[in-house]
Protein backbone atom coordinates (compact mmCIF):
# COMPACT_ATOMS: atom_id res chain seq x y z
CA MET A 1 -18.20 41.17 35.92
CA ARG A 2 -15.58 38.35 35.85
CA VAL A 3 -14.54 36.58 33.06
CA THR A 4 -15.04 32.60 33.24
CA ARG A 5 -12.84 30.57 30.84
CA GLY A 6 -14.45 27.40 31.50
CA LYS A 7 -15.85 27.01 27.91
CA VAL A 8 -12.88 27.69 26.21
CA SER A 9 -10.48 25.68 28.35
CA HIS A 10 -13.02 22.73 28.09
CA ARG A 11 -12.80 23.14 24.20
CA LYS A 12 -9.04 23.27 24.21
CA HIS A 13 -8.66 20.32 26.33
CA LYS A 14 -11.36 18.49 24.59
CA LYS A 15 -9.53 19.14 21.16
CA LEU A 16 -5.90 18.15 22.74
CA LEU A 17 -7.26 14.91 24.23
CA GLY A 18 -8.80 14.00 20.87
CA LEU A 19 -5.36 14.27 19.15
CA ALA A 20 -4.08 11.99 22.00
CA LYS A 21 -6.62 9.50 21.70
CA GLY A 22 -5.21 6.10 21.92
CA TYR A 23 -2.21 6.79 23.84
CA ARG A 24 -1.45 4.71 27.00
CA GLY A 25 -2.07 5.73 30.50
CA SER A 26 -2.54 9.30 31.58
CA ARG A 27 -1.15 10.67 28.27
CA SER A 28 -4.61 10.07 26.85
CA ARG A 29 -6.65 11.41 29.88
CA LEU A 30 -4.79 14.34 31.55
CA ALA A 31 -4.49 17.49 29.72
CA ARG A 32 -0.78 18.44 30.51
CA THR A 33 0.68 15.18 29.83
CA ALA A 34 -1.46 14.91 26.67
CA LYS A 35 0.07 18.12 25.70
CA ALA A 36 3.74 16.71 25.70
CA ALA A 37 2.83 13.53 24.08
CA VAL A 38 1.09 15.41 21.15
CA LEU A 39 3.99 17.63 20.86
CA HIS A 40 6.27 14.81 20.80
CA SER A 41 4.09 12.74 18.30
CA GLY A 42 4.41 15.48 15.92
CA GLN A 43 8.31 15.48 15.90
CA TYR A 44 8.01 11.96 15.59
CA ALA A 45 5.73 12.09 12.48
CA PHE A 46 7.94 14.60 10.91
CA GLN A 47 11.12 12.47 11.23
CA GLY A 48 9.21 9.44 10.28
CA ARG A 49 8.14 11.23 6.90
CA LYS A 50 11.85 11.75 6.14
CA ASN A 51 12.90 8.21 7.09
CA LYS A 52 10.09 6.80 4.95
CA LYS A 53 11.93 8.17 1.82
CA ARG A 54 15.37 6.86 3.14
CA ASP A 55 13.70 3.32 3.72
CA PHE A 56 12.14 3.04 0.32
CA ARG A 57 15.09 4.10 -1.56
CA ALA A 58 17.16 1.37 0.14
CA LEU A 59 14.47 -1.14 -0.42
CA TRP A 60 14.50 -0.26 -4.39
CA ILE A 61 18.42 -0.42 -4.25
CA VAL A 62 18.30 -3.86 -2.71
CA ARG A 63 15.66 -5.14 -5.22
CA ILE A 64 17.52 -3.62 -8.25
CA SER A 65 20.87 -5.21 -6.87
CA GLU A 66 19.54 -8.78 -6.47
CA ALA A 67 17.90 -8.65 -9.98
CA VAL A 68 21.12 -7.42 -11.61
CA LYS A 69 23.15 -9.95 -9.83
CA LYS A 70 21.27 -12.60 -11.54
CA GLU A 71 22.06 -11.02 -14.76
CA GLY A 72 25.58 -11.18 -13.99
CA ILE A 73 26.92 -7.51 -13.30
CA ASN A 74 26.97 -5.45 -10.00
CA TYR A 75 24.69 -2.64 -8.94
CA SER A 76 27.33 0.02 -9.37
CA THR A 77 28.26 -0.85 -12.62
CA PHE A 78 24.53 -1.10 -13.67
CA ILE A 79 23.85 2.39 -12.45
CA LYS A 80 27.00 3.86 -14.04
CA ASN A 81 26.16 2.15 -17.47
CA LEU A 82 22.48 3.25 -17.08
CA LYS A 83 23.55 7.02 -16.75
CA ALA A 84 26.24 6.71 -19.67
CA SER A 85 23.70 5.12 -22.11
CA LYS A 86 21.44 8.17 -21.21
CA ILE A 87 18.47 5.86 -19.88
CA MET A 88 16.58 8.14 -17.68
CA LEU A 89 14.80 5.49 -15.31
CA ASP A 90 15.01 6.21 -11.49
CA ARG A 91 15.38 3.54 -8.87
CA LYS A 92 11.62 3.32 -8.13
CA SER A 93 10.64 2.62 -11.67
CA LEU A 94 13.51 0.08 -12.07
CA ALA A 95 12.37 -1.62 -8.85
CA ASP A 96 8.83 -1.81 -10.03
CA LEU A 97 10.08 -3.22 -13.15
CA VAL A 98 11.83 -6.06 -11.38
CA LEU A 99 8.65 -6.91 -9.47
CA ASN A 100 6.10 -6.53 -12.16
CA ASP A 101 7.91 -6.98 -15.71
CA PRO A 102 11.11 -9.04 -15.17
CA LYS A 103 11.27 -9.60 -18.93
CA THR A 104 11.58 -5.67 -19.62
CA PHE A 105 13.92 -5.19 -16.87
CA SER A 106 16.26 -7.83 -18.36
CA GLU A 107 16.16 -6.12 -21.61
CA VAL A 108 17.03 -2.93 -19.82
CA VAL A 109 20.05 -4.59 -18.34
CA SER A 110 21.14 -6.24 -21.64
CA LYS A 111 20.94 -3.00 -23.32
CA VAL A 112 22.86 -1.25 -20.53
CA SER A 113 25.40 -4.13 -20.42
CA LYS A 114 26.24 -3.87 -24.25
CA LYS A 115 27.50 -0.23 -23.51
CA SER A 116 30.36 -1.35 -21.48
């Protein structure tokens, strides 16, 4: 008796095409091109997760920098004085203060600028 792999192949292809759903052209319809597209999409997603962290840090730095500029000091001096005064706030929470609680942020800046 010979082995027929129809069910197995069909299941594999169906799973693969499900992952490639929404891709343009034959990438969403043909198993071989869909396989390549799904593999590449995984690589792009992996790199995208790394870039997301980089992009958010840059955004926080820009927000803090602009807010600190209004207070009369520059970003690098602010960060240096923040470390020197042992205030353990990261850039994410500082940027959040800039957006949601500017009064508290200006208090932090005044406390830090007294140190210098």
